[in-house]
Amino acid sequence: MAKGHRSQIKRERNAQKDTRPSAKLSYARVSVQKACFVLDAIRGKDVNTALAILAYSPRYASSIIEKLLKSAIANAENNNGLDAENLYIAECYANKGPTMKRVRPRAQGRAYRIEKRMSHITIVLDER
């Protein structure tokens, strides 16, 4: 067990918390593989360049990620008091979420399973 009072343990745990502005979208109806194509294109770029890439990307995930990036920029300006011009995407990743299982009728009374995958997408910004 950890030593110290419960409030002291919480204080130490919160001191180690990441203070960079971020935004997370849970249960996005796009698979991890499809989201990662778009996230790989914007990783490490400054936010204006990333927004331009997302605006002209034909993929469905780009519209979701564009909204999420705008939310992360708003979080940085309002909560952390940072300037949007100096921000860049420090981290962006997609984790696997739950899978909705559906059934597709097939010939001769068979049923095939359709898996509708979800993902949890996270964007973390930082200042240059």
Protein backbone atom coordinates (compact mmCIF):
# COMPACT_ATOMS: atom_id res chain seq x y z
CA MET A 1 0.00 0.00 0.00
CA ALA A 2 1.04 3.58 -0.56
CA LYS A 3 2.25 5.58 2.38
CA GLY A 4 0.60 8.77 3.59
CA HIS A 5 -2.86 10.13 3.94
CA ARG A 6 -5.40 9.74 1.13
CA SER A 7 -5.35 13.48 0.34
CA GLN A 8 -1.55 13.42 0.12
CA ILE A 9 -1.66 10.49 -2.28
CA LYS A 10 -4.20 12.33 -4.47
CA ARG A 11 -2.09 15.48 -4.42
CA GLU A 12 0.98 13.55 -5.61
CA ARG A 13 -1.01 11.80 -8.33
CA ASN A 14 -2.44 15.10 -9.61
CA ALA A 15 1.03 16.70 -9.63
CA GLN A 16 2.12 14.14 -12.23
CA LYS A 17 -0.87 14.87 -14.47
CA ASP A 18 -0.25 16.04 -18.03
CA THR A 19 -1.18 19.74 -18.33
CA ARG A 20 -1.04 19.97 -22.13
CA PRO A 21 -4.35 20.89 -23.78
CA SER A 22 -6.14 17.94 -25.32
CA ALA A 23 -9.47 16.68 -26.62
CA LYS A 24 -10.82 13.15 -26.69
CA LEU A 25 -13.67 11.65 -28.70
CA SER A 26 -15.01 8.37 -27.38
CA TYR A 27 -17.07 5.88 -29.37
CA ALA A 28 -16.38 7.41 -32.79
CA ARG A 29 -18.07 5.27 -35.46
CA VAL A 30 -14.91 4.74 -37.49
CA SER A 31 -12.42 1.91 -37.24
CA VAL A 32 -8.97 2.49 -35.75
CA GLN A 33 -7.21 1.67 -39.02
CA LYS A 34 -9.23 4.23 -40.98
CA ALA A 35 -8.76 6.91 -38.32
CA CYS A 36 -4.99 6.30 -38.18
CA PHE A 37 -4.60 7.10 -41.91
CA VAL A 38 -5.79 10.64 -41.21
CA LEU A 39 -3.98 10.98 -37.85
CA ASP A 40 -0.65 9.98 -39.41
CA ALA A 41 -1.05 12.81 -41.95
CA ILE A 42 -1.37 15.54 -39.29
CA ARG A 43 0.92 14.26 -36.50
CA GLY A 44 3.63 16.83 -35.64
CA LYS A 45 2.17 19.58 -37.85
CA ASP A 46 1.11 23.02 -36.61
CA VAL A 47 -2.64 23.44 -36.16
CA ASN A 48 -3.23 25.70 -39.20
CA THR A 49 -1.52 23.23 -41.53
CA ALA A 50 -3.38 20.32 -39.92
CA LEU A 51 -6.76 22.06 -40.36
CA ALA A 52 -5.93 22.67 -44.04
CA ILE A 53 -4.99 19.01 -44.55
CA LEU A 54 -8.20 17.85 -42.86
CA ALA A 55 -10.39 20.24 -44.85
CA TYR A 56 -9.24 18.74 -48.18
CA SER A 57 -8.92 15.10 -47.13
CA PRO A 58 -11.61 12.95 -48.79
CA ARG A 59 -11.83 10.43 -45.94
CA TYR A 60 -14.83 10.25 -43.60
CA ALA A 61 -12.60 10.26 -40.51
CA SER A 62 -11.13 13.65 -41.47
CA SER A 63 -14.41 15.46 -40.72
CA ILE A 64 -14.58 13.86 -37.25
CA ILE A 65 -10.93 14.63 -36.51
CA GLU A 66 -11.31 18.23 -37.78
CA LYS A 67 -14.07 18.86 -35.22
CA LEU A 68 -11.94 17.26 -32.51
CA LEU A 69 -8.90 19.39 -33.41
CA LYS A 70 -11.00 22.58 -33.26
CA SER A 71 -12.20 21.50 -29.82
CA ALA A 72 -8.60 20.95 -28.65
CA ILE A 73 -7.62 24.42 -29.94
CA ALA A 74 -10.56 25.97 -28.07
CA ASN A 75 -9.51 24.10 -24.90
CA ALA A 76 -5.96 25.46 -25.27
CA GLU A 77 -7.18 29.05 -25.67
CA ASN A 78 -9.86 29.04 -22.96
CA ASN A 79 -8.46 26.71 -20.30
CA ASN A 80 -4.70 27.20 -20.69
CA GLY A 81 -4.56 30.72 -22.16
CA LEU A 82 -2.33 29.67 -25.07
CA ASP A 83 -2.13 31.37 -28.47
CA ALA A 84 -3.48 29.25 -31.34
CA GLU A 85 -0.71 30.41 -33.70
CA ASN A 86 2.02 28.69 -31.64
CA LEU A 87 0.28 25.33 -31.19
CA TYR A 88 1.23 22.06 -32.86
CA ILE A 89 -0.04 18.50 -32.58
CA ALA A 90 2.24 16.76 -30.08
CA GLU A 91 0.31 13.49 -29.95
CA CYS A 92 -2.64 12.02 -31.78
CA TYR A 93 -3.77 8.44 -31.61
CA ALA A 94 -6.80 6.19 -31.92
CA ASN A 95 -7.52 3.37 -29.49
CA LYS A 96 -9.88 0.48 -30.08
CA GLY A 97 -13.40 0.88 -28.76
CA PRO A 98 -16.25 -1.60 -28.48
CA THR A 99 -17.55 -3.43 -31.54
CA MET A 100 -21.23 -3.53 -32.46
CA LYS A 101 -22.14 -6.96 -33.79
CA ARG A 102 -24.84 -7.23 -36.42
CA VAL A 103 -26.18 -10.15 -38.45
CA ARG A 104 -26.46 -10.32 -42.23
CA PRO A 105 -28.77 -12.98 -43.68
CA ARG A 106 -27.12 -15.19 -46.30
CA ALA A 107 -28.17 -18.03 -48.58
CA GLN A 108 -29.69 -21.27 -47.25
CA GLY A 109 -30.60 -19.85 -43.85
CA ARG A 110 -27.08 -18.92 -42.83
CA ALA A 111 -26.17 -15.74 -41.01
CA TYR A 112 -22.89 -13.85 -41.38
CA ARG A 113 -21.67 -11.48 -38.69
CA ILE A 114 -20.97 -7.84 -39.50
CA GLU A 115 -18.71 -6.03 -37.05
CA LYS A 116 -19.16 -2.27 -36.82
CA ARG A 117 -16.03 -1.04 -35.11
CA MET A 118 -15.61 2.03 -32.92
CA SER A 119 -12.57 3.95 -31.73
CA HIS A 120 -11.52 6.44 -29.10
CA ILE A 121 -9.57 9.30 -30.74
CA THR A 122 -7.28 11.60 -28.72
CA ILE A 123 -5.44 14.75 -29.80
CA VAL A 124 -2.85 16.42 -27.53
CA LEU A 125 -1.49 19.88 -28.43
CA ASP A 126 1.63 21.65 -27.25
CA GLU A 127 3.22 25.07 -27.70
CA ARG A 128 6.29 25.69 -29.87
